[in-house]
PDB file of N, CA and C in Angstrom:
ATOM      1  N   MET A   1     180.955 209.473 388.155  1.00  0.00           N
ATOM      2  CA  MET A   1     181.707 208.384 388.744  1.00  0.00           C
ATOM      3  C   MET A   1     180.751 207.224 389.019  1.00  0.00           C
ATOM      4  N   ALA A   2     181.118 206.031 388.632  1.00  0.00           N
ATOM      5  CA  ALA A   2     180.277 204.851 388.822  1.00  0.00           C
ATOM      6  C   ALA A   2     180.226 204.465 390.297  1.00  0.00           C
ATOM      7  N   LYS A   3     179.035 204.082 390.700  1.00  0.00           N
ATOM      8  CA  LYS A   3     178.863 203.644 392.086  1.00  0.00           C
ATOM      9  C   LYS A   3     179.482 202.263 392.262  1.00  0.00           C
ATOM     10  N   ARG A   4     180.205 202.121 393.345  1.00  0.00           N
ATOM     11  CA  ARG A   4     180.856 200.848 393.644  1.00  0.00           C
ATOM     12  C   ARG A   4     179.808 199.814 394.031  1.00  0.00           C
ATOM     13  N   LYS A   5     179.903 198.634 393.457  1.00  0.00           N
ATOM     14  CA  LYS A   5     178.971 197.558 393.779  1.00  0.00           C
ATOM     15  C   LYS A   5     179.319 196.973 395.137  1.00  0.00           C
ATOM     16  N   GLU A   6     178.280 196.679 395.893  1.00  0.00           N
ATOM     17  CA  GLU A   6     178.477 196.037 397.178  1.00  0.00           C
ATOM     18  C   GLU A   6     178.847 194.572 396.951  1.00  0.00           C
ATOM     19  N   PRO A   7     179.821 194.056 397.701  1.00  0.00           N
ATOM     20  CA  PRO A   7     180.191 192.655 397.520  1.00  0.00           C
ATOM     21  C   PRO A   7     179.056 191.733 397.963  1.00  0.00           C
ATOM     22  N   LYS A   8     178.931 190.623 397.281  1.00  0.00           N
ATOM     23  CA  LYS A   8     177.932 189.617 397.616  1.00  0.00           C
ATOM     24  C   LYS A   8     178.600 188.255 397.657  1.00  0.00           C
ATOM     25  N   GLY A   9     177.969 187.349 398.392  1.00  0.00           N
ATOM     26  CA  GLY A   9     178.453 185.983 398.416  1.00  0.00           C
ATOM     27  C   GLY A   9     179.401 185.732 399.571  1.00  0.00           C
ATOM     28  N   THR A  10     180.199 184.711 399.397  1.00  0.00           N
ATOM     29  CA  THR A  10     181.135 184.314 400.448  1.00  0.00           C
ATOM     30  C   THR A  10     182.525 184.126 399.869  1.00  0.00           C
ATOM     31  N   THR A  11     183.479 184.162 400.747  1.00  0.00           N
ATOM     32  CA  THR A  11     184.835 183.773 400.387  1.00  0.00           C
ATOM     33  C   THR A  11     185.281 182.723 401.378  1.00  0.00           C
ATOM     34  N   ILE A  12     186.108 181.842 400.913  1.00  0.00           N
ATOM     35  CA  ILE A  12     186.581 180.735 401.741  1.00  0.00           C
ATOM     36  C   ILE A  12     188.083 180.900 401.921  1.00  0.00           C
ATOM     37  N   ILE A  13     188.501 180.982 403.159  1.00  0.00           N
ATOM     38  CA  ILE A  13     189.921 181.135 403.462  1.00  0.00           C
ATOM     39  C   ILE A  13     190.416 179.825 404.056  1.00  0.00           C
ATOM     40  N   GLU A  14     191.300 179.159 403.334  1.00  0.00           N
ATOM     41  CA  GLU A  14     191.887 177.926 403.848  1.00  0.00           C
ATOM     42  C   GLU A  14     193.128 178.298 404.642  1.00  0.00           C
ATOM     43  N   LEU A  15     193.139 177.916 405.900  1.00  0.00           N
ATOM     44  CA  LEU A  15     194.241 178.259 406.789  1.00  0.00           C
ATOM     45  C   LEU A  15     195.348 177.219 406.708  1.00  0.00           C
ATOM     46  N   ASN A  16     196.504 177.594 407.188  1.00  0.00           N
ATOM     47  CA  ASN A  16     197.689 176.763 407.063  1.00  0.00           C
ATOM     48  C   ASN A  16     197.648 175.553 407.989  1.00  0.00           C
ATOM     49  N   HIS A  17     197.950 174.412 407.420  1.00  0.00           N
ATOM     50  CA  HIS A  17     198.090 173.201 408.217  1.00  0.00           C
ATOM     51  C   HIS A  17     199.342 172.437 407.804  1.00  0.00           C
ATOM     52  N   SER A  18     200.340 173.166 407.305  1.00  0.00           N
ATOM     53  CA  SER A  18     201.537 172.498 406.789  1.00  0.00           C
ATOM     54  C   SER A  18     202.340 171.797 407.878  1.00  0.00           C
ATOM     55  N   GLY A  19     202.045 172.127 409.144  1.00  0.00           N
ATOM     56  CA  GLY A  19     202.705 171.406 410.236  1.00  0.00           C
ATOM     57  C   GLY A  19     202.073 170.047 410.492  1.00  0.00           C
ATOM     58  N   ILE A  20     200.940 169.771 409.839  1.00  0.00           N
ATOM     59  CA  ILE A  20     200.244 168.489 409.977  1.00  0.00           C
ATOM     60  C   ILE A  20     200.141 167.869 408.589  1.00  0.00           C
ATOM     61  N   PRO A  21     200.723 166.696 408.383  1.00  0.00           N
ATOM     62  CA  PRO A  21     200.596 166.053 407.068  1.00  0.00           C
ATOM     63  C   PRO A  21     199.133 165.789 406.714  1.00  0.00           C
ATOM     64  N   ASP A  22     198.799 165.851 405.423  1.00  0.00           N
ATOM     65  CA  ASP A  22     197.415 165.656 404.983  1.00  0.00           C
ATOM     66  C   ASP A  22     196.798 164.373 405.520  1.00  0.00           C
ATOM     67  N   ASP A  23     197.584 163.294 405.559  1.00  0.00           N
ATOM     68  CA  ASP A  23     197.013 162.019 406.002  1.00  0.00           C
ATOM     69  C   ASP A  23     196.780 161.968 407.519  1.00  0.00           C
ATOM     70  N   GLU A  24     197.221 162.993 408.246  1.00  0.00           N
ATOM     71  CA  GLU A  24     197.002 163.045 409.695  1.00  0.00           C
ATOM     72  C   GLU A  24     195.928 164.060 410.092  1.00  0.00           C
ATOM     73  N   LEU A  25     195.345 164.747 409.121  1.00  0.00           N
ATOM     74  CA  LEU A  25     194.265 165.686 409.425  1.00  0.00           C
ATOM     75  C   LEU A  25     193.056 164.918 409.930  1.00  0.00           C
ATOM     76  N   LYS A  26     192.414 165.471 410.957  1.00  0.00           N
ATOM     77  CA  LYS A  26     191.209 164.848 411.499  1.00  0.00           C
ATOM     78  C   LYS A  26     190.087 165.887 411.498  1.00  0.00           C
ATOM     79  N   PRO A  27     189.017 165.631 410.717  1.00  0.00           N
ATOM     80  CA  PRO A  27     187.915 166.598 410.708  1.00  0.00           C
ATOM     81  C   PRO A  27     187.174 166.592 412.038  1.00  0.00           C
ATOM     82  N   GLU A  28     186.675 167.760 412.418  1.00  0.00           N
ATOM     83  CA  GLU A  28     185.871 167.861 413.633  1.00  0.00           C
ATOM     84  C   GLU A  28     184.452 167.376 413.346  1.00  0.00           C
ATOM     85  N   GLU A  29     183.675 167.183 414.390  1.00  0.00           N
ATOM     86  CA  GLU A  29     182.247 166.920 414.208  1.00  0.00           C
ATOM     87  C   GLU A  29     181.574 168.268 414.015  1.00  0.00           C
ATOM     88  N   PHE A  30     180.856 168.426 412.923  1.00  0.00           N
ATOM     89  CA  PHE A  30     180.231 169.698 412.598  1.00  0.00           C
ATOM     90  C   PHE A  30     178.862 169.805 413.252  1.00  0.00           C
ATOM     91  N   ASN A  31     178.552 171.014 413.750  1.00  0.00           N
ATOM     92  CA  ASN A  31     177.211 171.241 414.303  1.00  0.00           C
ATOM     93  C   ASN A  31     176.241 171.516 413.151  1.00  0.00           C
ATOM     94  N   ASP A  32     174.945 171.657 413.480  1.00  0.00           N
ATOM     95  CA  ASP A  32     173.928 171.844 412.450  1.00  0.00           C
ATOM     96  C   ASP A  32     174.174 173.094 411.611  1.00  0.00           C
ATOM     97  N   TYR A  33     174.602 174.182 412.258  1.00  0.00           N
ATOM     98  CA  TYR A  33     174.859 175.417 411.512  1.00  0.00           C
ATOM     99  C   TYR A  33     176.032 175.228 410.541  1.00  0.00           C
ATOM    100  N   GLN A  34     177.114 174.618 411.031  1.00  0.00           N
ATOM    101  CA  GLN A  34     178.256 174.372 410.154  1.00  0.00           C
ATOM    102  C   GLN A  34     177.852 173.498 408.967  1.00  0.00           C
ATOM    103  N   LEU A  35     177.041 172.484 409.228  1.00  0.00           N
ATOM    104  CA  LEU A  35     176.598 171.606 408.142  1.00  0.00           C
ATOM    105  C   LEU A  35     175.782 172.371 407.106  1.00  0.00           C
ATOM    106  N   ALA A  36     174.936 173.301 407.564  1.00  0.00           N
ATOM    107  CA  ALA A  36     174.147 174.102 406.628  1.00  0.00           C
ATOM    108  C   ALA A  36     175.055 174.977 405.769  1.00  0.00           C
ATOM    109  N   VAL A  37     176.054 175.615 406.382  1.00  0.00           N
ATOM    110  CA  VAL A  37     177.007 176.442 405.626  1.00  0.00           C
ATOM    111  C   VAL A  37     177.790 175.558 404.662  1.00  0.00           C
ATOM    112  N   LEU A  38     178.245 174.416 405.134  1.00  0.00           N
ATOM    113  CA  LEU A  38     179.028 173.499 404.310  1.00  0.00           C
ATOM    114  C   LEU A  38     178.232 173.042 403.089  1.00  0.00           C
ATOM    115  N   LYS A  39     176.988 172.684 403.279  1.00  0.00           N
ATOM    116  CA  LYS A  39     176.158 172.198 402.173  1.00  0.00           C
ATOM    117  C   LYS A  39     175.903 173.279 401.130  1.00  0.00           C
ATOM    118  N   ALA A  40     175.966 174.548 401.522  1.00  0.00           N
ATOM    119  CA  ALA A  40     175.757 175.644 400.579  1.00  0.00           C
ATOM    120  C   ALA A  40     176.995 175.921 399.717  1.00  0.00           C
ATOM    121  N   LEU A  41     178.131 175.352 400.093  1.00  0.00           N
ATOM    122  CA  LEU A  41     179.368 175.562 399.336  1.00  0.00           C
ATOM    123  C   LEU A  41     179.433 174.603 398.156  1.00  0.00           C
ATOM    124  N   PRO A  42     180.173 174.969 397.112  1.00  0.00           N
ATOM    125  CA  PRO A  42     180.357 174.063 395.983  1.00  0.00           C
ATOM    126  C   PRO A  42     181.042 172.761 396.452  1.00  0.00           C
ATOM    127  N   PRO A  43     180.709 171.633 395.840  1.00  0.00           N
ATOM    128  CA  PRO A  43     181.280 170.342 396.262  1.00  0.00           C
ATOM    129  C   PRO A  43     182.811 170.327 396.314  1.00  0.00           C
ATOM    130  N   GLU A  44     183.455 171.022 395.368  1.00  0.00           N
ATOM    131  CA  GLU A  44     184.929 171.016 395.358  1.00  0.00           C
ATOM    132  C   GLU A  44     185.516 171.778 396.541  1.00  0.00           C
ATOM    133  N   ARG A  45     184.727 172.685 397.152  1.00  0.00           N
ATOM    134  CA  ARG A  45     185.178 173.404 398.355  1.00  0.00           C
ATOM    135  C   ARG A  45     184.837 172.615 399.617  1.00  0.00           C
ATOM    136  N   GLN A  46     183.808 171.758 399.533  1.00  0.00           N
ATOM    137  CA  GLN A  46     183.416 170.943 400.676  1.00  0.00           C
ATOM    138  C   GLN A  46     184.437 169.848 400.964  1.00  0.00           C
ATOM    139  N   ALA A  47     185.000 169.275 399.910  1.00  0.00           N
ATOM    140  CA  ALA A  47     185.880 168.110 400.067  1.00  0.00           C
ATOM    141  C   ALA A  47     187.049 168.368 401.019  1.00  0.00           C
ATOM    142  N   PRO A  48     187.823 169.466 400.853  1.00  0.00           N
ATOM    143  CA  PRO A  48     188.943 169.683 401.791  1.00  0.00           C
ATOM    144  C   PRO A  48     188.468 169.872 403.235  1.00  0.00           C
ATOM    145  N   ILE A  49     187.302 170.509 403.401  1.00  0.00           N
ATOM    146  CA  ILE A  49     186.773 170.736 404.752  1.00  0.00           C
ATOM    147  C   ILE A  49     186.414 169.405 405.389  1.00  0.00           C
ATOM    148  N   ARG A  50     185.743 168.557 404.630  1.00  0.00           N
ATOM    149  CA  ARG A  50     185.353 167.234 405.147  1.00  0.00           C
ATOM    150  C   ARG A  50     186.573 166.373 405.446  1.00  0.00           C
ATOM    151  N   ARG A  51     187.692 166.651 404.743  1.00  0.00           N
ATOM    152  CA  ARG A  51     188.937 165.914 404.963  1.00  0.00           C
ATOM    153  C   ARG A  51     189.670 166.397 406.222  1.00  0.00           C
ATOM    154  N   GLY A  52     189.342 167.646 406.687  1.00  0.00           N
ATOM    155  CA  GLY A  52     189.972 168.165 407.895  1.00  0.00           C
ATOM    156  C   GLY A  52     190.749 169.452 407.725  1.00  0.00           C
ATOM    157  N   CYS A  53     190.762 170.013 406.508  1.00  0.00           N
ATOM    158  CA  CYS A  53     191.484 171.274 406.304  1.00  0.00           C
ATOM    159  C   CYS A  53     190.819 172.389 407.110  1.00  0.00           C
ATOM    160  N   PRO A  54     191.606 173.216 407.797  1.00  0.00           N
ATOM    161  CA  PRO A  54     191.031 174.340 408.539  1.00  0.00           C
ATOM    162  C   PRO A  54     190.600 175.445 407.584  1.00  0.00           C
ATOM    163  N   VAL A  55     189.344 175.875 407.723  1.00  0.00           N
ATOM    164  CA  VAL A  55     188.756 176.831 406.794  1.00  0.00           C
ATOM    165  C   VAL A  55     187.873 177.814 407.546  1.00  0.00           C
ATOM    166  N   SER A  56     187.876 179.060 407.085  1.00  0.00           N
ATOM    167  CA  SER A  56     186.963 180.075 407.581  1.00  0.00           C
ATOM    168  C   SER A  56     186.131 180.554 406.397  1.00  0.00           C
ATOM    169  N   VAL A  57     184.812 180.640 406.585  1.00  0.00           N
ATOM    170  CA  VAL A  57     183.916 181.107 405.536  1.00  0.00           C
ATOM    171  C   VAL A  57     183.450 182.506 405.931  1.00  0.00           C
ATOM    172  N   ILE A  58     183.681 183.469 405.045  1.00  0.00           N
ATOM    173  CA  ILE A  58     183.403 184.878 405.311  1.00  0.00           C
ATOM    174  C   ILE A  58     182.265 185.371 404.417  1.00  0.00           C
ATOM    175  N   ASP A  59     181.320 186.104 405.012  1.00  0.00           N
ATOM    176  CA  ASP A  59     180.239 186.763 404.275  1.00  0.00           C
ATOM    177  C   ASP A  59     180.814 188.061 403.713  1.00  0.00           C
ATOM    178  N   LEU A  60     180.865 188.176 402.392  1.00  0.00           N
ATOM    179  CA  LEU A  60     181.482 189.352 401.769  1.00  0.00           C
ATOM    180  C   LEU A  60     180.690 190.632 401.998  1.00  0.00           C
ATOM    181  N   ALA A  61     179.379 190.527 402.164  1.00  0.00           N
ATOM    182  CA  ALA A  61     178.564 191.722 402.365  1.00  0.00           C
ATOM    183  C   ALA A  61     178.850 192.371 403.707  1.00  0.00           C
ATOM    184  N   THR A  62     179.105 191.563 404.734  1.00  0.00           N
ATOM    185  CA  THR A  62     179.321 192.111 406.079  1.00  0.00           C
ATOM    186  C   THR A  62     180.769 192.042 406.535  1.00  0.00           C
ATOM    187  N   GLY A  63     181.530 191.138 405.945  1.00  0.00           N
ATOM    188  CA  GLY A  63     182.900 190.918 406.400  1.00  0.00           C
ATOM    189  C   GLY A  63     182.973 190.015 407.615  1.00  0.00           C
ATOM    190  N   ASN A  64     181.827 189.513 408.056  1.00  0.00           N
ATOM    191  CA  ASN A  64     181.795 188.654 409.242  1.00  0.00           C
ATOM    192  C   ASN A  64     182.080 187.204 408.888  1.00  0.00           C
ATOM    193  N   GLN A  65     182.678 186.503 409.836  1.00  0.00           N
ATOM    194  CA  GLN A  65     182.888 185.072 409.675  1.00  0.00           C
ATOM    195  C   GLN A  65     181.549 184.369 409.837  1.00  0.00           C
ATOM    196  N   MET A  66     181.188 183.580 408.858  1.00  0.00           N
ATOM    197  CA  MET A  66     179.941 182.816 408.935  1.00  0.00           C
ATOM    198  C   MET A  66     180.145 181.519 409.698  1.00  0.00           C
ATOM    199  N   ALA A  67     181.263 180.870 409.415  1.00  0.00           N
ATOM    200  CA  ALA A  67     181.543 179.594 410.064  1.00  0.00           C
ATOM    201  C   ALA A  67     183.038 179.314 409.977  1.00  0.00           C
ATOM    202  N   ALA A  68     183.505 178.544 410.932  1.00  0.00           N
ATOM    203  CA  ALA A  68     184.896 178.088 410.936  1.00  0.00           C
ATOM    204  C   ALA A  68     184.875 176.571 411.066  1.00  0.00           C
ATOM    205  N   PHE A  69     185.780 175.929 410.390  1.00  0.00           N
ATOM    206  CA  PHE A  69     185.847 174.478 410.386  1.00  0.00           C
ATOM    207  C   PHE A  69     187.268 174.014 410.710  1.00  0.00           C
ATOM    208  N   ASN A  70     187.392 173.004 411.533  1.00  0.00           N
ATOM    209  CA  ASN A  70     188.653 172.298 411.776  1.00  0.00           C
ATOM    210  C   ASN A  70     189.781 173.203 412.281  1.00  0.00           C
ATOM    211  N   MET A  71     189.446 174.161 413.120  1.00  0.00           N
ATOM    212  CA  MET A  71     190.459 175.100 413.606  1.00  0.00           C
ATOM    213  C   MET A  71     191.533 174.401 414.456  1.00  0.00           C
ATOM    214  N   HIS A  72     191.228 173.245 414.982  1.00  0.00           N
ATOM    215  CA  HIS A  72     192.232 172.502 415.758  1.00  0.00           C
ATOM    216  C   HIS A  72     193.376 172.012 414.863  1.00  0.00           C
ATOM    217  N   ASN A  73     193.169 172.053 413.547  1.00  0.00           N
ATOM    218  CA  ASN A  73     194.194 171.602 412.605  1.00  0.00           C
ATOM    219  C   ASN A  73     195.076 172.727 412.073  1.00  0.00           C
ATOM    220  N   VAL A  74     194.931 173.947 412.609  1.00  0.00           N
ATOM    221  CA  VAL A  74     195.801 175.036 412.166  1.00  0.00           C
ATOM    222  C   VAL A  74     197.176 174.788 412.775  1.00  0.00           C
ATOM    223  N   ALA A  75     198.153 174.622 411.917  1.00  0.00           N
ATOM    224  CA  ALA A  75     199.499 174.334 412.415  1.00  0.00           C
ATOM    225  C   ALA A  75     200.541 174.815 411.410  1.00  0.00           C
ATOM    226  N   PRO A  76     201.315 175.821 411.782  1.00  0.00           N
ATOM    227  CA  PRO A  76     202.374 176.278 410.885  1.00  0.00           C
ATOM    228  C   PRO A  76     203.532 175.292 410.864  1.00  0.00           C
ATOM    229  N   SER A  77     204.290 175.319 409.786  1.00  0.00           N
ATOM    230  CA  SER A  77     205.487 174.487 409.686  1.00  0.00           C
ATOM    231  C   SER A  77     206.595 175.093 410.549  1.00  0.00           C
ATOM    232  N   GLU A  78     207.654 174.356 410.774  1.00  0.00           N
ATOM    233  CA  GLU A  78     208.796 174.864 411.559  1.00  0.00           C
ATOM    234  C   GLU A  78     209.400 176.095 410.888  1.00  0.00           C
ATOM    235  N   LEU A  79     209.501 176.078 409.569  1.00  0.00           N
ATOM    236  CA  LEU A  79     210.036 177.226 408.842  1.00  0.00           C
ATOM    237  C   LEU A  79     209.164 178.457 409.079  1.00  0.00           C
ATOM    238  N   GLN A  80     207.852 178.295 409.016  1.00  0.00           N
ATOM    239  CA  GLN A  80     206.954 179.422 409.234  1.00  0.00           C
ATOM    240  C   GLN A  80     207.060 179.949 410.659  1.00  0.00           C
ATOM    241  N   LYS A  81     207.232 179.066 411.626  1.00  0.00           N
ATOM    242  CA  LYS A  81     207.414 179.492 413.021  1.00  0.00           C
ATOM    243  C   LYS A  81     208.693 180.328 413.154  1.00  0.00           C
ATOM    244  N   LYS A  82     209.761 179.878 412.512  1.00  0.00           N
ATOM    245  CA  LYS A  82     211.030 180.609 412.574  1.00  0.00           C
ATOM    246  C   LYS A  82     210.906 181.966 411.888  1.00  0.00           C
ATOM    247  N   GLN A  83     210.219 181.994 410.736  1.00  0.00           N
ATOM    248  CA  GLN A  83     210.040 183.255 410.025  1.00  0.00           C
ATOM    249  C   GLN A  83     209.218 184.240 410.850  1.00  0.00           C
ATOM    250  N   LEU A  84     208.183 183.756 411.508  1.00  0.00           N
ATOM    251  CA  LEU A  84     207.359 184.617 412.356  1.00  0.00           C
ATOM    252  C   LEU A  84     208.187 185.144 413.528  1.00  0.00           C
ATOM    253  N   GLY A  85     208.924 184.269 414.174  1.00  0.00           N
ATOM    254  CA  GLY A  85     209.762 184.698 415.293  1.00  0.00           C
ATOM    255  C   GLY A  85     210.764 185.758 414.869  1.00  0.00           C
ATOM    256  N   LYS A  86     211.386 185.557 413.731  1.00  0.00           N
ATOM    257  CA  LYS A  86     212.363 186.530 413.227  1.00  0.00           C
ATOM    258  C   LYS A  86     211.687 187.869 412.933  1.00  0.00           C
ATOM    259  N   ALA A  87     210.516 187.825 412.316  1.00  0.00           N
ATOM    260  CA  ALA A  87     209.803 189.066 411.986  1.00  0.00           C
ATOM    261  C   ALA A  87     209.403 189.822 413.247  1.00  0.00           C
ATOM    262  N   VAL A  88     208.908 189.112 414.247  1.00  0.00           N
ATOM    263  CA  VAL A  88     208.510 189.755 415.505  1.00  0.00           C
ATOM    264  C   VAL A  88     209.738 190.339 416.205  1.00  0.00           C
ATOM    265  N   TYR A  89     210.828 189.590 416.255  1.00  0.00           N
ATOM    266  CA  TYR A  89     212.051 190.064 416.900  1.00  0.00           C
ATOM    267  C   TYR A  89     212.578 191.333 416.226  1.00  0.00           C
ATOM    268  N   GLU A  90     212.595 191.329 414.896  1.00  0.00           N
ATOM    269  CA  GLU A  90     213.090 192.503 414.168  1.00  0.00           C
ATOM    270  C   GLU A  90     212.162 193.706 414.368  1.00  0.00           C
ATOM    271  N   ALA A  91     210.863 193.468 414.422  1.00  0.00           N
ATOM    272  CA  ALA A  91     209.911 194.565 414.657  1.00  0.00           C
ATOM    273  C   ALA A  91     210.103 195.143 416.055  1.00  0.00           C
ATOM    274  N   MET A  92     210.354 194.283 417.024  1.00  0.00           N
ATOM    275  CA  MET A  92     210.591 194.759 418.400  1.00  0.00           C
ATOM    276  C   MET A  92     211.880 195.580 418.468  1.00  0.00           C
ATOM    277  N   GLN A  93     212.906 195.128 417.787  1.00  0.00           N
ATOM    278  CA  GLN A  93     214.158 195.881 417.774  1.00  0.00           C
ATOM    279  C   GLN A  93     213.939 197.281 417.203  1.00  0.00           C
ATOM    280  N   ARG A  94     213.217 197.372 416.079  1.00  0.00           N
ATOM    281  CA  ARG A  94     212.948 198.683 415.468  1.00  0.00           C
ATOM    282  C   ARG A  94     212.111 199.553 416.408  1.00  0.00           C
ATOM    283  N   TYR A  95     211.114 198.944 417.045  1.00  0.00           N
ATOM    284  CA  TYR A  95     210.227 199.684 417.941  1.00  0.00           C
ATOM    285  C   TYR A  95     211.011 200.290 419.099  1.00  0.00           C
ATOM    286  N   PHE A  96     211.878 199.513 419.715  1.00  0.00           N
ATOM    287  CA  PHE A  96     212.588 199.981 420.901  1.00  0.00           C
ATOM    288  C   PHE A  96     213.804 200.851 420.581  1.00  0.00           C
ATOM    289  N   GLN A  97     214.050 201.114 419.317  1.00  0.00           N
ATOM    290  CA  GLN A  97     215.093 202.080 418.964  1.00  0.00           C
ATOM    291  C   GLN A  97     214.617 203.502 419.223  1.00  0.00           C
ATOM    292  N   ASP A  98     213.318 203.703 419.331  1.00  0.00           N
ATOM    293  CA  ASP A  98     212.744 205.011 419.594  1.00  0.00           C
ATOM    294  C   ASP A  98     212.704 205.233 421.107  1.00  0.00           C
ATOM    295  N   PRO A  99     213.399 206.245 421.645  1.00  0.00           N
ATOM    296  CA  PRO A  99     213.417 206.485 423.092  1.00  0.00           C
ATOM    297  C   PRO A  99     212.021 206.705 423.691  1.00  0.00           C
ATOM    298  N   GLU A 100     211.112 207.286 422.931  1.00  0.00           N
ATOM    299  CA  GLU A 100     209.739 207.475 423.430  1.00  0.00           C
ATOM    300  C   GLU A 100     209.059 206.136 423.689  1.00  0.00           C
ATOM    301  N   HIS A 101     209.305 205.159 422.815  1.00  0.00           N
ATOM    302  CA  HIS A 101     208.725 203.831 423.006  1.00  0.00           C
ATOM    303  C   HIS A 101     209.317 203.170 424.257  1.00  0.00           C
ATOM    304  N   VAL A 102     210.586 203.372 424.484  1.00  0.00           N
ATOM    305  CA  VAL A 102     211.229 202.810 425.676  1.00  0.00           C
ATOM    306  C   VAL A 102     210.618 203.424 426.935  1.00  0.00           C
ATOM    307  N   LYS A 103     210.402 204.728 426.930  1.00  0.00           N
ATOM    308  CA  LYS A 103     209.781 205.394 428.081  1.00  0.00           C
ATOM    309  C   LYS A 103     208.380 204.841 428.339  1.00  0.00           C
ATOM    310  N   LYS A 104     207.590 204.707 427.290  1.00  0.00           N
ATOM    311  CA  LYS A 104     206.238 204.176 427.447  1.00  0.00           C
ATOM    312  C   LYS A 104     206.276 202.746 427.992  1.00  0.00           C
ATOM    313  N   TYR A 105     207.209 201.945 427.495  1.00  0.00           N
ATOM    314  CA  TYR A 105     207.335 200.573 427.973  1.00  0.00           C
ATOM    315  C   TYR A 105     207.717 200.554 429.452  1.00  0.00           C
ATOM    316  N   GLU A 106     208.675 201.365 429.841  1.00  0.00           N
ATOM    317  CA  GLU A 106     209.114 201.395 431.240  1.00  0.00           C
ATOM    318  C   GLU A 106     207.972 201.832 432.162  1.00  0.00           C
ATOM    319  N   ALA A 107     207.171 202.802 431.736  1.00  0.00           N
ATOM    320  CA  ALA A 107     206.023 203.245 432.535  1.00  0.00           C
ATOM    321  C   ALA A 107     204.994 202.117 432.655  1.00  0.00           C
ATOM    322  N   TRP A 108     204.733 201.432 431.558  1.00  0.00           N
ATOM    323  CA  TRP A 108     203.793 200.312 431.579  1.00  0.00           C
ATOM    324  C   TRP A 108     204.294 199.202 432.500  1.00  0.00           C
ATOM    325  N   LYS A 109     205.582 198.881 432.384  1.00  0.00           N
ATOM    326  CA  LYS A 109     206.186 197.820 433.191  1.00  0.00           C
ATOM    327  C   LYS A 109     206.099 198.163 434.679  1.00  0.00           C
ATOM    328  N   LYS A 110     206.394 199.404 435.023  1.00  0.00           N
ATOM    329  CA  LYS A 110     206.332 199.840 436.420  1.00  0.00           C
ATOM    330  C   LYS A 110     204.907 199.703 436.958  1.00  0.00           C
ATOM    331  N   LYS A 111     203.928 200.097 436.163  1.00  0.00           N
ATOM    332  CA  LYS A 111     202.525 199.990 436.568  1.00  0.00           C
ATOM    333  C   LYS A 111     202.138 198.528 436.787  1.00  0.00           C
ATOM    334  N   LYS A 112     202.516 197.655 435.890  1.00  0.00           N
ATOM    335  CA  LYS A 112     202.188 196.225 436.003  1.00  0.00           C
ATOM    336  C   LYS A 112     202.853 195.598 437.221  1.00  0.00           C
ATOM    337  N   GLU A 113     204.093 195.974 437.492  1.00  0.00           N
ATOM    338  CA  GLU A 113     204.787 195.448 438.662  1.00  0.00           C
ATOM    339  C   GLU A 113     204.095 195.905 439.957  1.00  0.00           C
ATOM    340  N   ALA A 114     203.637 197.150 439.971  1.00  0.00           N
ATOM    341  CA  ALA A 114     202.924 197.661 441.138  1.00  0.00           C
ATOM    342  C   ALA A 114     201.603 196.914 441.336  1.00  0.00           C
ATOM    343  N   GLU A 115     200.911 196.643 440.246  1.00  0.00           N
ATOM    344  CA  GLU A 115     199.649 195.900 440.316  1.00  0.00           C
ATOM    345  C   GLU A 115     199.857 194.483 440.814  1.00  0.00           C
ATOM    346  N   SER A 116     200.930 193.846 440.375  1.00  0.00           N
ATOM    347  CA  SER A 116     201.174 192.465 440.779  1.00  0.00           C
ATOM    348  C   SER A 116     201.682 192.357 442.206  1.00  0.00           C
ATOM    349  N   ASP A 117     202.194 193.466 442.745  1.00  0.00           N
ATOM    350  CA  ASP A 117     202.648 193.490 444.137  1.00  0.00           C
ATOM    351  C   ASP A 117     201.506 193.803 445.095  1.00  0.00           C
ATOM    352  N   GLY A 118     200.299 193.860 444.596  1.00  0.00           N
ATOM    353  CA  GLY A 118     199.143 194.108 445.458  1.00  0.00           C
ATOM    354  C   GLY A 118     198.737 195.554 445.535  1.00  0.00           C
ATOM    355  N   GLY A 119     199.177 196.350 444.629  1.00  0.00           N
ATOM    356  CA  GLY A 119     198.733 197.740 444.623  1.00  0.00           C
ATOM    357  C   GLY A 119     199.882 198.696 444.494  1.00  0.00           C
ATOM    358  N   ASP A 120     199.545 199.930 444.391  1.00  0.00           N
ATOM    359  CA  ASP A 120     200.532 201.004 444.243  1.00  0.00           C
ATOM    360  C   ASP A 120     201.231 201.222 445.575  1.00  0.00           C
ATOM    361  N   LYS A 121     202.571 201.298 445.559  1.00  0.00           N
ATOM    362  CA  LYS A 121     203.336 201.448 446.802  1.00  0.00           C
ATOM    363  C   LYS A 121     203.814 202.862 447.017  1.00  0.00           C
ATOM    364  N   THR A 122     203.154 203.836 446.423  1.00  0.00           N
ATOM    365  CA  THR A 122     203.589 205.230 446.623  1.00  0.00           C
ATOM    366  C   THR A 122     202.901 205.847 447.800  1.00  0.00           C
TER     367      THR A 122
END
């Protein structure tokens, strides 16, 4: 069996900013480390970052984020917000159909209420 090669290099993940029109994107001021990471990227990948697109650069060898750019510009569209809300609501409905999940939730809720009342009242 062939040995799996370890990943090398970086990957660039461009995050969603569809809630902000391209002409309204505002790039952040980059620190020295961000500038060093940015300069190591190909010019065609630098351009959207310099324009204000939110991007995360990941080291493939470790899986760690090397740098993040323009995170203040992450903004989902209204449609994406509605889709997320619907997905979360449907997942909650499925979760609470299980009586064991309801019991666990009720126990958690009771504990939190006791904590917020200044302690256990038993």
